[in-house]
PDB file of all heavy atoms in Angstrom:
ATOM      1  N   GLU A   1      -3.790 -32.566  -5.204  1.00  0.00           N
ATOM      2  CA  GLU A   1      -4.872 -32.109  -4.341  1.00  0.00           C
ATOM      3  C   GLU A   1      -4.995 -30.593  -4.491  1.00  0.00           C
ATOM      4  O   GLU A   1      -4.023 -29.866  -4.342  1.00  0.00           O
ATOM      5  CB  GLU A   1      -4.568 -32.467  -2.885  1.00  0.00           C
ATOM      6  CG  GLU A   1      -5.670 -32.059  -1.948  1.00  0.00           C
ATOM      7  CD  GLU A   1      -5.393 -32.478  -0.515  1.00  0.00           C
ATOM      8  OE1 GLU A   1      -4.586 -33.411  -0.302  1.00  0.00           O
ATOM      9  OE2 GLU A   1      -5.975 -31.872   0.376  1.00  0.00           O
ATOM     10  N   LEU A   2      -6.195 -30.132  -4.815  1.00  0.00           N
ATOM     11  CA  LEU A   2      -6.403 -28.707  -5.025  1.00  0.00           C
ATOM     12  C   LEU A   2      -6.681 -27.965  -3.724  1.00  0.00           C
ATOM     13  O   LEU A   2      -6.203 -26.862  -3.519  1.00  0.00           O
ATOM     14  CB  LEU A   2      -7.555 -28.488  -6.000  1.00  0.00           C
ATOM     15  CG  LEU A   2      -7.362 -29.077  -7.403  1.00  0.00           C
ATOM     16  CD1 LEU A   2      -8.599 -28.836  -8.243  1.00  0.00           C
ATOM     17  CD2 LEU A   2      -6.131 -28.490  -8.064  1.00  0.00           C
ATOM     18  N   ALA A   3      -7.500 -28.547  -2.870  1.00  0.00           N
ATOM     19  CA  ALA A   3      -7.859 -27.870  -1.621  1.00  0.00           C
ATOM     20  C   ALA A   3      -8.108 -28.910  -0.549  1.00  0.00           C
ATOM     21  O   ALA A   3      -8.703 -29.935  -0.831  1.00  0.00           O
ATOM     22  CB  ALA A   3      -9.109 -27.023  -1.832  1.00  0.00           C
ATOM     23  N   PRO A   4      -7.668 -28.722   0.613  1.00  0.00           N
ATOM     24  CA  PRO A   4      -6.943 -27.549   1.100  1.00  0.00           C
ATOM     25  C   PRO A   4      -5.474 -27.545   0.709  1.00  0.00           C
ATOM     26  O   PRO A   4      -4.762 -26.594   0.999  1.00  0.00           O
ATOM     27  CB  PRO A   4      -7.099 -27.627   2.607  1.00  0.00           C
ATOM     28  CG  PRO A   4      -7.279 -29.073   2.905  1.00  0.00           C
ATOM     29  CD  PRO A   4      -7.973 -29.648   1.711  1.00  0.00           C
ATOM     30  N   GLY A   5      -5.008 -28.545   0.041  1.00  0.00           N
ATOM     31  CA  GLY A   5      -3.618 -28.577  -0.412  1.00  0.00           C
ATOM     32  C   GLY A   5      -2.794 -29.577   0.372  1.00  0.00           C
ATOM     33  O   GLY A   5      -3.178 -30.004   1.452  1.00  0.00           O
ATOM     34  N   PRO A   6      -1.658 -29.954  -0.170  1.00  0.00           N
ATOM     35  CA  PRO A   6      -0.838 -30.984   0.468  1.00  0.00           C
ATOM     36  C   PRO A   6      -0.242 -30.558   1.805  1.00  0.00           C
ATOM     37  O   PRO A   6       0.141 -31.404   2.596  1.00  0.00           O
ATOM     38  CB  PRO A   6       0.263 -31.253  -0.556  1.00  0.00           C
ATOM     39  CG  PRO A   6       0.304 -30.035  -1.415  1.00  0.00           C
ATOM     40  CD  PRO A   6      -1.095 -29.485  -1.432  1.00  0.00           C
ATOM     41  N   ILE A   7      -0.184 -29.249   2.071  1.00  0.00           N
ATOM     42  CA  ILE A   7       0.395 -28.802   3.343  1.00  0.00           C
ATOM     43  C   ILE A   7      -0.583 -28.910   4.504  1.00  0.00           C
ATOM     44  O   ILE A   7      -0.194 -28.797   5.651  1.00  0.00           O
ATOM     45  CB  ILE A   7       0.931 -27.358   3.245  1.00  0.00           C
ATOM     46  CG1 ILE A   7      -0.196 -26.390   2.907  1.00  0.00           C
ATOM     47  CG2 ILE A   7       2.071 -27.268   2.249  1.00  0.00           C
ATOM     48  CD1 ILE A   7       0.179 -24.941   3.062  1.00  0.00           C
ATOM     49  N   ALA A   8      -1.865 -29.119   4.186  1.00  0.00           N
ATOM     50  CA  ALA A   8      -2.882 -29.182   5.237  1.00  0.00           C
ATOM     51  C   ALA A   8      -2.996 -30.605   5.776  1.00  0.00           C
ATOM     52  O   ALA A   8      -3.916 -31.331   5.456  1.00  0.00           O
ATOM     53  CB  ALA A   8      -4.223 -28.688   4.709  1.00  0.00           C
ATOM     54  N   ASN A   9      -2.038 -31.001   6.570  1.00  0.00           N
ATOM     55  CA  ASN A   9      -2.040 -32.338   7.143  1.00  0.00           C
ATOM     56  C   ASN A   9      -2.563 -32.357   8.572  1.00  0.00           C
ATOM     57  O   ASN A   9      -2.755 -33.413   9.138  1.00  0.00           O
ATOM     58  CB  ASN A   9      -0.637 -32.945   7.103  1.00  0.00           C
ATOM     59  CG  ASN A   9      -0.200 -33.197   5.672  1.00  0.00           C
ATOM     60  OD1 ASN A   9      -1.018 -33.549   4.824  1.00  0.00           O
ATOM     61  ND2 ASN A   9       1.065 -32.995   5.398  1.00  0.00           N
ATOM     62  N   GLU A  10      -2.779 -31.191   9.143  1.00  0.00           N
ATOM     63  CA  GLU A  10      -3.259 -31.115  10.513  1.00  0.00           C
ATOM     64  C   GLU A  10      -4.663 -30.539  10.529  1.00  0.00           C
ATOM     65  O   GLU A  10      -5.032 -29.738   9.659  1.00  0.00           O
ATOM     66  CB  GLU A  10      -2.330 -30.224  11.346  1.00  0.00           C
ATOM     67  CG  GLU A  10      -0.928 -30.797  11.465  1.00  0.00           C
ATOM     68  CD  GLU A  10      -0.027 -29.910  12.303  1.00  0.00           C
ATOM     69  OE1 GLU A  10      -0.540 -28.966  12.938  1.00  0.00           O
ATOM     70  OE2 GLU A  10       1.184 -30.159  12.311  1.00  0.00           O
ATOM     71  N   GLN A  11      -5.432 -30.916  11.513  1.00  0.00           N
ATOM     72  CA  GLN A  11      -6.812 -30.455  11.611  1.00  0.00           C
ATOM     73  C   GLN A  11      -6.898 -28.935  11.650  1.00  0.00           C
ATOM     74  O   GLN A  11      -7.790 -28.337  11.053  1.00  0.00           O
ATOM     75  CB  GLN A  11      -7.494 -31.053  12.850  1.00  0.00           C
ATOM     76  CG  GLN A  11      -8.991 -30.787  12.908  1.00  0.00           C
ATOM     77  CD  GLN A  11      -9.745 -31.394  11.735  1.00  0.00           C
ATOM     78  OE1 GLN A  11      -9.519 -32.542  11.360  1.00  0.00           O
ATOM     79  NE2 GLN A  11     -10.632 -30.620  11.130  1.00  0.00           N
ATOM     80  N   ALA A  12      -5.963 -28.268  12.318  1.00  0.00           N
ATOM     81  CA  ALA A  12      -5.981 -26.798  12.401  1.00  0.00           C
ATOM     82  C   ALA A  12      -5.873 -26.169  11.011  1.00  0.00           C
ATOM     83  O   ALA A  12      -6.563 -25.195  10.702  1.00  0.00           O
ATOM     84  CB  ALA A  12      -4.862 -26.306  13.300  1.00  0.00           C
ATOM     85  N   ALA A  13      -5.035 -26.730  10.148  1.00  0.00           N
ATOM     86  CA  ALA A  13      -4.876 -26.210   8.791  1.00  0.00           C
ATOM     87  C   ALA A  13      -6.147 -26.442   7.974  1.00  0.00           C
ATOM     88  O   ALA A  13      -6.559 -25.586   7.187  1.00  0.00           O
ATOM     89  CB  ALA A  13      -3.678 -26.853   8.109  1.00  0.00           C
ATOM     90  N   ILE A  14      -6.760 -27.577   8.162  1.00  0.00           N
ATOM     91  CA  ILE A  14      -8.011 -27.878   7.464  1.00  0.00           C
ATOM     92  C   ILE A  14      -9.106 -26.932   7.940  1.00  0.00           C
ATOM     93  O   ILE A  14      -9.854 -26.362   7.133  1.00  0.00           O
ATOM     94  CB  ILE A  14      -8.406 -29.353   7.667  1.00  0.00           C
ATOM     95  CG1 ILE A  14      -7.375 -30.252   6.976  1.00  0.00           C
ATOM     96  CG2 ILE A  14      -9.813 -29.626   7.132  1.00  0.00           C
ATOM     97  CD1 ILE A  14      -7.504 -31.715   7.318  1.00  0.00           C
ATOM     98  N   ASP A  15      -9.201 -26.719   9.249  1.00  0.00           N
ATOM     99  CA  ASP A  15     -10.198 -25.785   9.801  1.00  0.00           C
ATOM    100  C   ASP A  15      -9.984 -24.379   9.249  1.00  0.00           C
ATOM    101  O   ASP A  15     -10.938 -23.686   8.902  1.00  0.00           O
ATOM    102  CB  ASP A  15     -10.130 -25.766  11.323  1.00  0.00           C
ATOM    103  CG  ASP A  15     -10.607 -27.065  11.959  1.00  0.00           C
ATOM    104  OD1 ASP A  15     -11.198 -27.906  11.246  1.00  0.00           O
ATOM    105  OD2 ASP A  15     -10.376 -27.230  13.179  1.00  0.00           O
ATOM    106  N   GLU A  16      -8.732 -23.949   9.174  1.00  0.00           N
ATOM    107  CA  GLU A  16      -8.418 -22.611   8.658  1.00  0.00           C
ATOM    108  C   GLU A  16      -8.847 -22.485   7.201  1.00  0.00           C
ATOM    109  O   GLU A  16      -9.409 -21.470   6.791  1.00  0.00           O
ATOM    110  CB  GLU A  16      -6.923 -22.350   8.796  1.00  0.00           C
ATOM    111  CG  GLU A  16      -6.509 -20.966   8.334  1.00  0.00           C
ATOM    112  CD  GLU A  16      -5.017 -20.738   8.504  1.00  0.00           C
ATOM    113  OE1 GLU A  16      -4.412 -21.306   9.431  1.00  0.00           O
ATOM    114  OE2 GLU A  16      -4.468 -19.979   7.682  1.00  0.00           O
ATOM    115  N   ASP A  17      -8.616 -23.520   6.405  1.00  0.00           N
ATOM    116  CA  ASP A  17      -9.014 -23.505   5.004  1.00  0.00           C
ATOM    117  C   ASP A  17     -10.529 -23.412   4.871  1.00  0.00           C
ATOM    118  O   ASP A  17     -11.039 -22.650   4.052  1.00  0.00           O
ATOM    119  CB  ASP A  17      -8.502 -24.758   4.287  1.00  0.00           C
ATOM    120  CG  ASP A  17      -8.905 -24.759   2.832  1.00  0.00           C
ATOM    121  OD1 ASP A  17      -8.397 -23.900   2.080  1.00  0.00           O
ATOM    122  OD2 ASP A  17      -9.752 -25.593   2.458  1.00  0.00           O
ATOM    123  N   ILE A  18     -11.242 -24.152   5.671  1.00  0.00           N
ATOM    124  CA  ILE A  18     -12.709 -24.118   5.623  1.00  0.00           C
ATOM    125  C   ILE A  18     -13.203 -22.718   5.968  1.00  0.00           C
ATOM    126  O   ILE A  18     -14.074 -22.166   5.289  1.00  0.00           O
ATOM    127  CB  ILE A  18     -13.312 -25.171   6.567  1.00  0.00           C
ATOM    128  CG1 ILE A  18     -13.039 -26.572   6.015  1.00  0.00           C
ATOM    129  CG2 ILE A  18     -14.806 -24.945   6.765  1.00  0.00           C
ATOM    130  CD1 ILE A  18     -13.355 -27.689   6.972  1.00  0.00           C
ATOM    131  N   ARG A  19     -12.663 -22.132   7.021  1.00  0.00           N
ATOM    132  CA  ARG A  19     -13.087 -20.782   7.418  1.00  0.00           C
ATOM    133  C   ARG A  19     -12.770 -19.747   6.325  1.00  0.00           C
ATOM    134  O   ARG A  19     -13.523 -18.799   6.115  1.00  0.00           O
ATOM    135  CB  ARG A  19     -12.422 -20.389   8.729  1.00  0.00           C
ATOM    136  CG  ARG A  19     -13.030 -21.073   9.912  1.00  0.00           C
ATOM    137  CD  ARG A  19     -12.473 -20.543  11.236  1.00  0.00           C
ATOM    138  NE  ARG A  19     -12.997 -21.325  12.335  1.00  0.00           N
ATOM    139  CZ  ARG A  19     -12.392 -22.372  12.880  1.00  0.00           C
ATOM    140  NH1 ARG A  19     -11.210 -22.765  12.440  1.00  0.00           N
ATOM    141  NH2 ARG A  19     -12.946 -23.046  13.857  1.00  0.00           N
ATOM    142  N   ALA A  20     -11.667 -19.915   5.646  1.00  0.00           N
ATOM    143  CA  ALA A  20     -11.262 -18.957   4.615  1.00  0.00           C
ATOM    144  C   ALA A  20     -12.116 -19.054   3.350  1.00  0.00           C
ATOM    145  O   ALA A  20     -12.349 -18.054   2.675  1.00  0.00           O
ATOM    146  CB  ALA A  20      -9.791 -19.173   4.259  1.00  0.00           C
ATOM    147  N   ARG A  21     -12.620 -20.257   3.028  1.00  0.00           N
ATOM    148  CA  ARG A  21     -13.328 -20.440   1.762  1.00  0.00           C
ATOM    149  C   ARG A  21     -14.815 -20.673   1.888  1.00  0.00           C
ATOM    150  O   ARG A  21     -15.531 -20.701   0.885  1.00  0.00           O
ATOM    151  CB  ARG A  21     -12.698 -21.596   0.984  1.00  0.00           C
ATOM    152  CG  ARG A  21     -11.273 -21.306   0.561  1.00  0.00           C
ATOM    153  CD  ARG A  21     -10.646 -22.381  -0.320  1.00  0.00           C
ATOM    154  NE  ARG A  21     -10.736 -23.722   0.207  1.00  0.00           N
ATOM    155  CZ  ARG A  21     -11.474 -24.706  -0.343  1.00  0.00           C
ATOM    156  NH1 ARG A  21     -12.139 -24.492  -1.429  1.00  0.00           N
ATOM    157  NH2 ARG A  21     -11.502 -25.887   0.206  1.00  0.00           N
ATOM    158  N   ALA A  22     -15.317 -20.830   3.099  1.00  0.00           N
ATOM    159  CA  ALA A  22     -16.734 -21.136   3.273  1.00  0.00           C
ATOM    160  C   ALA A  22     -17.602 -19.933   2.906  1.00  0.00           C
ATOM    161  O   ALA A  22     -17.260 -18.795   3.188  1.00  0.00           O
ATOM    162  CB  ALA A  22     -17.013 -21.558   4.713  1.00  0.00           C
ATOM    163  N   GLU A  23     -18.709 -20.193   2.242  1.00  0.00           N
ATOM    164  CA  GLU A  23     -19.672 -19.171   1.859  1.00  0.00           C
ATOM    165  C   GLU A  23     -21.071 -19.701   2.119  1.00  0.00           C
ATOM    166  O   GLU A  23     -21.283 -20.898   2.195  1.00  0.00           O
ATOM    167  CB  GLU A  23     -19.554 -18.848   0.374  1.00  0.00           C
ATOM    168  CG  GLU A  23     -18.227 -18.263  -0.036  1.00  0.00           C
ATOM    169  CD  GLU A  23     -18.183 -17.964  -1.520  1.00  0.00           C
ATOM    170  OE1 GLU A  23     -19.231 -17.636  -2.095  1.00  0.00           O
ATOM    171  OE2 GLU A  23     -17.095 -18.068  -2.100  1.00  0.00           O
ATOM    172  N   THR A  24     -22.019 -18.793   2.212  1.00  0.00           N
ATOM    173  CA  THR A  24     -23.405 -19.214   2.335  1.00  0.00           C
ATOM    174  C   THR A  24     -24.040 -19.194   0.950  1.00  0.00           C
ATOM    175  O   THR A  24     -23.636 -18.426   0.085  1.00  0.00           O
ATOM    176  CB  THR A  24     -24.201 -18.293   3.271  1.00  0.00           C
ATOM    177  OG1 THR A  24     -24.167 -16.968   2.730  1.00  0.00           O
ATOM    178  CG2 THR A  24     -23.624 -18.298   4.664  1.00  0.00           C
ATOM    179  N   PHE A  25     -25.002 -20.023   0.751  1.00  0.00           N
ATOM    180  CA  PHE A  25     -25.728 -20.080  -0.510  1.00  0.00           C
ATOM    181  C   PHE A  25     -27.222 -20.004  -0.259  1.00  0.00           C
ATOM    182  O   PHE A  25     -28.011 -20.642  -0.925  1.00  0.00           O
ATOM    183  CB  PHE A  25     -25.375 -21.371  -1.275  1.00  0.00           C
ATOM    184  CG  PHE A  25     -23.979 -21.347  -1.792  1.00  0.00           C
ATOM    185  CD1 PHE A  25     -22.949 -21.941  -1.086  1.00  0.00           C
ATOM    186  CD2 PHE A  25     -23.682 -20.704  -2.975  1.00  0.00           C
ATOM    187  CE1 PHE A  25     -21.655 -21.916  -1.553  1.00  0.00           C
ATOM    188  CE2 PHE A  25     -22.378 -20.668  -3.453  1.00  0.00           C
ATOM    189  CZ  PHE A  25     -21.371 -21.275  -2.741  1.00  0.00           C
ATOM    190  N   PHE A  26     -27.599 -19.212   0.735  1.00  0.00           N
ATOM    191  CA  PHE A  26     -29.011 -19.057   1.028  1.00  0.00           C
ATOM    192  C   PHE A  26     -29.628 -18.098   0.016  1.00  0.00           C
ATOM    193  O   PHE A  26     -28.944 -17.361  -0.672  1.00  0.00           O
ATOM    194  CB  PHE A  26     -29.225 -18.566   2.459  1.00  0.00           C
ATOM    195  CG  PHE A  26     -28.643 -17.203   2.741  1.00  0.00           C
ATOM    196  CD1 PHE A  26     -29.419 -16.072   2.590  1.00  0.00           C
ATOM    197  CD2 PHE A  26     -27.330 -17.061   3.143  1.00  0.00           C
ATOM    198  CE1 PHE A  26     -28.900 -14.818   2.834  1.00  0.00           C
ATOM    199  CE2 PHE A  26     -26.795 -15.808   3.393  1.00  0.00           C
ATOM    200  CZ  PHE A  26     -27.580 -14.682   3.229  1.00  0.00           C
ATOM    201  N   HIS A  27     -30.929 -18.118  -0.070  1.00  0.00           N
ATOM    202  CA  HIS A  27     -31.660 -17.239  -0.970  1.00  0.00           C
ATOM    203  C   HIS A  27     -32.321 -16.152  -0.139  1.00  0.00           C
ATOM    204  O   HIS A  27     -33.317 -16.419   0.533  1.00  0.00           O
ATOM    205  CB  HIS A  27     -32.724 -18.032  -1.731  1.00  0.00           C
ATOM    206  CG  HIS A  27     -32.170 -19.157  -2.532  1.00  0.00           C
ATOM    207  ND1 HIS A  27     -31.468 -18.942  -3.691  1.00  0.00           N
ATOM    208  CD2 HIS A  27     -32.193 -20.487  -2.355  1.00  0.00           C
ATOM    209  CE1 HIS A  27     -31.091 -20.106  -4.189  1.00  0.00           C
ATOM    210  NE2 HIS A  27     -31.505 -21.056  -3.395  1.00  0.00           N
TER     211      HIS A  27
END
């Protein structure tokens, strides 16, 4: 598993990963 990774087994870890990698793609 590339992202969020095998250590992200809890919702808080998944939420943190999303916040860290999320970007906008608006024009």
